[in-house]
C-alpha atoms as a PDB file:
ATOM      1  CA  MET A   1     -13.321  -1.745 -14.386  1.00  0.00           C
ATOM      2  CA  ARG A   2     -11.846  -5.175 -16.077  1.00  0.00           C
ATOM      3  CA  ALA A   3     -13.567  -4.670 -18.666  1.00  0.00           C
ATOM      4  CA  GLU A   4     -12.328  -1.558 -19.503  1.00  0.00           C
ATOM      5  CA  GLY A   5      -8.932  -2.286 -19.647  1.00  0.00           C
ATOM      6  CA  VAL A   6      -7.706  -1.855 -16.322  1.00  0.00           C
ATOM      7  CA  VAL A   7      -5.855  -4.539 -13.702  1.00  0.00           C
ATOM      8  CA  VAL A   8      -6.966  -5.382 -10.660  1.00  0.00           C
ATOM      9  CA  THR A   9      -4.103  -6.030  -8.154  1.00  0.00           C
ATOM     10  CA  ALA A  10      -5.389  -7.839  -4.649  1.00  0.00           C
ATOM     11  CA  ARG A  11      -2.828  -8.207  -1.929  1.00  0.00           C
ATOM     12  CA  PRO A  12      -3.958  -9.358   1.515  1.00  0.00           C
ATOM     13  CA  LEU A  13      -3.527  -7.835   4.381  1.00  0.00           C
ATOM     14  CA  ARG A  14      -0.951  -8.813   6.829  1.00  0.00           C
ATOM     15  CA  ARG A  15      -2.251  -8.829  10.689  1.00  0.00           C
ATOM     16  CA  ARG A  16      -0.175  -8.040  13.146  1.00  0.00           C
ATOM     17  CA  ARG A  17      -0.722  -8.050  17.176  1.00  0.00           C
ATOM     18  CA  ARG A  18       0.402  -4.752  18.720  1.00  0.00           C
ATOM     19  CA  ARG A  19       0.176  -4.413  23.038  1.00  0.00           C
ATOM     20  CA  ALA A  20      -0.093  -1.280  24.224  1.00  0.00           C
ATOM     21  CA  ARG A  21      -0.476   0.398  27.926  1.00  0.00           C
ATOM     22  CA  LEU A  22      -3.271   2.099  28.727  1.00  0.00           C
ATOM     23  CA  ASP A  23      -3.637   5.429  31.068  1.00  0.00           C
ATOM     24  CA  ASP A  24      -4.528   2.926  34.289  1.00  0.00           C
ATOM     25  CA  GLY A  25      -1.798   1.024  33.684  1.00  0.00           C
ATOM     26  CA  GLU A  26      -3.542  -2.068  31.756  1.00  0.00           C
ATOM     27  CA  MET A  27      -2.124  -4.182  28.823  1.00  0.00           C
ATOM     28  CA  VAL A  28      -4.346  -4.425  25.972  1.00  0.00           C
ATOM     29  CA  GLN A  29      -3.481  -6.665  22.943  1.00  0.00           C
ATOM     30  CA  PHE A  30      -5.509  -5.831  19.428  1.00  0.00           C
ATOM     31  CA  THR A  31      -4.921  -6.620  15.668  1.00  0.00           C
ATOM     32  CA  VAL A  32      -3.429  -4.076  13.276  1.00  0.00           C
ATOM     33  CA  LEU A  33      -4.069  -4.826   9.218  1.00  0.00           C
ATOM     34  CA  GLU A  34      -1.031  -3.431   7.244  1.00  0.00           C
ATOM     35  CA  GLU A  35      -0.871  -3.353   3.492  1.00  0.00           C
ATOM     36  CA  LYS A  36       2.731  -4.581   2.352  1.00  0.00           C
ATOM     37  CA  GLY A  37       4.140  -4.708  -1.050  1.00  0.00           C
ATOM     38  CA  ILE A  38       1.655  -1.508  -2.213  1.00  0.00           C
ATOM     39  CA  ASP A  39       4.184   1.100  -2.874  1.00  0.00           C
ATOM     40  CA  VAL A  40       6.752  -1.664  -4.629  1.00  0.00           C
ATOM     41  CA  ARG A  41       3.514  -2.797  -6.701  1.00  0.00           C
ATOM     42  CA  ILE A  42       2.921   1.042  -8.436  1.00  0.00           C
ATOM     43  CA  ALA A  43       6.374   1.578  -8.609  1.00  0.00           C
ATOM     44  CA  LEU A  44       6.534  -1.842 -11.040  1.00  0.00           C
ATOM     45  CA  ASP A  45       3.591  -0.886 -13.345  1.00  0.00           C
ATOM     46  CA  VAL A  46       4.579   2.866 -13.502  1.00  0.00           C
ATOM     47  CA  VAL A  47       8.358   1.532 -14.787  1.00  0.00           C
ATOM     48  CA  ARG A  48       6.128  -0.965 -16.893  1.00  0.00           C
ATOM     49  CA  VAL A  49       4.109   1.724 -18.644  1.00  0.00           C
ATOM     50  CA  LEU A  50       7.345   4.302 -18.859  1.00  0.00           C
ATOM     51  CA  LEU A  51       9.098   1.319 -21.213  1.00  0.00           C
ATOM     52  CA  ALA A  52       5.918   0.397 -23.548  1.00  0.00           C
ATOM     53  CA  GLY A  53       5.976   3.930 -24.505  1.00  0.00           C
ATOM     54  CA  ALA A  54       2.502   4.195 -22.823  1.00  0.00           C
ATOM     55  CA  CYS A  55       2.844   7.681 -21.547  1.00  0.00           C
ATOM     56  CA  ASP A  56       5.998  10.408 -21.840  1.00  0.00           C
ATOM     57  CA  VAL A  57       5.560  11.332 -17.747  1.00  0.00           C
ATOM     58  CA  VAL A  58       4.424  10.200 -14.840  1.00  0.00           C
ATOM     59  CA  SER A  59       3.055  11.625 -11.658  1.00  0.00           C
ATOM     60  CA  CYS A  60       2.712  10.528  -8.230  1.00  0.00           C
ATOM     61  CA  VAL A  61       1.548  12.022  -5.460  1.00  0.00           C
ATOM     62  CA  ARG A  62       0.878  10.279  -1.548  1.00  0.00           C
ATOM     63  CA  ALA A  63      -0.538  11.651   1.765  1.00  0.00           C
ATOM     64  CA  SER A  64       1.151   8.725   3.666  1.00  0.00           C
ATOM     65  CA  SER A  65       3.944  10.036   5.528  1.00  0.00           C
ATOM     66  CA  SER A  66       5.693   6.601   5.608  1.00  0.00           C
ATOM     67  CA  MET A  67       7.972   7.764   3.211  1.00  0.00           C
ATOM     68  CA  ALA A  68       9.321  10.371   4.870  1.00  0.00           C
END
């Protein structure tokens, strides 16, 4: 993709420890991987493209409920 002029930005996932109680009452711990800052990165890229005059309209569609 880089050869075609696409800029790839990689961001590390944040690791968080979570606890949950199972149906039998036992407490378990597990690691959850979370994306952080991706939505901000997309917004900054959209503003940059619009200010550069590279497009007239941007349409963003999101399937996540985290912005509800």
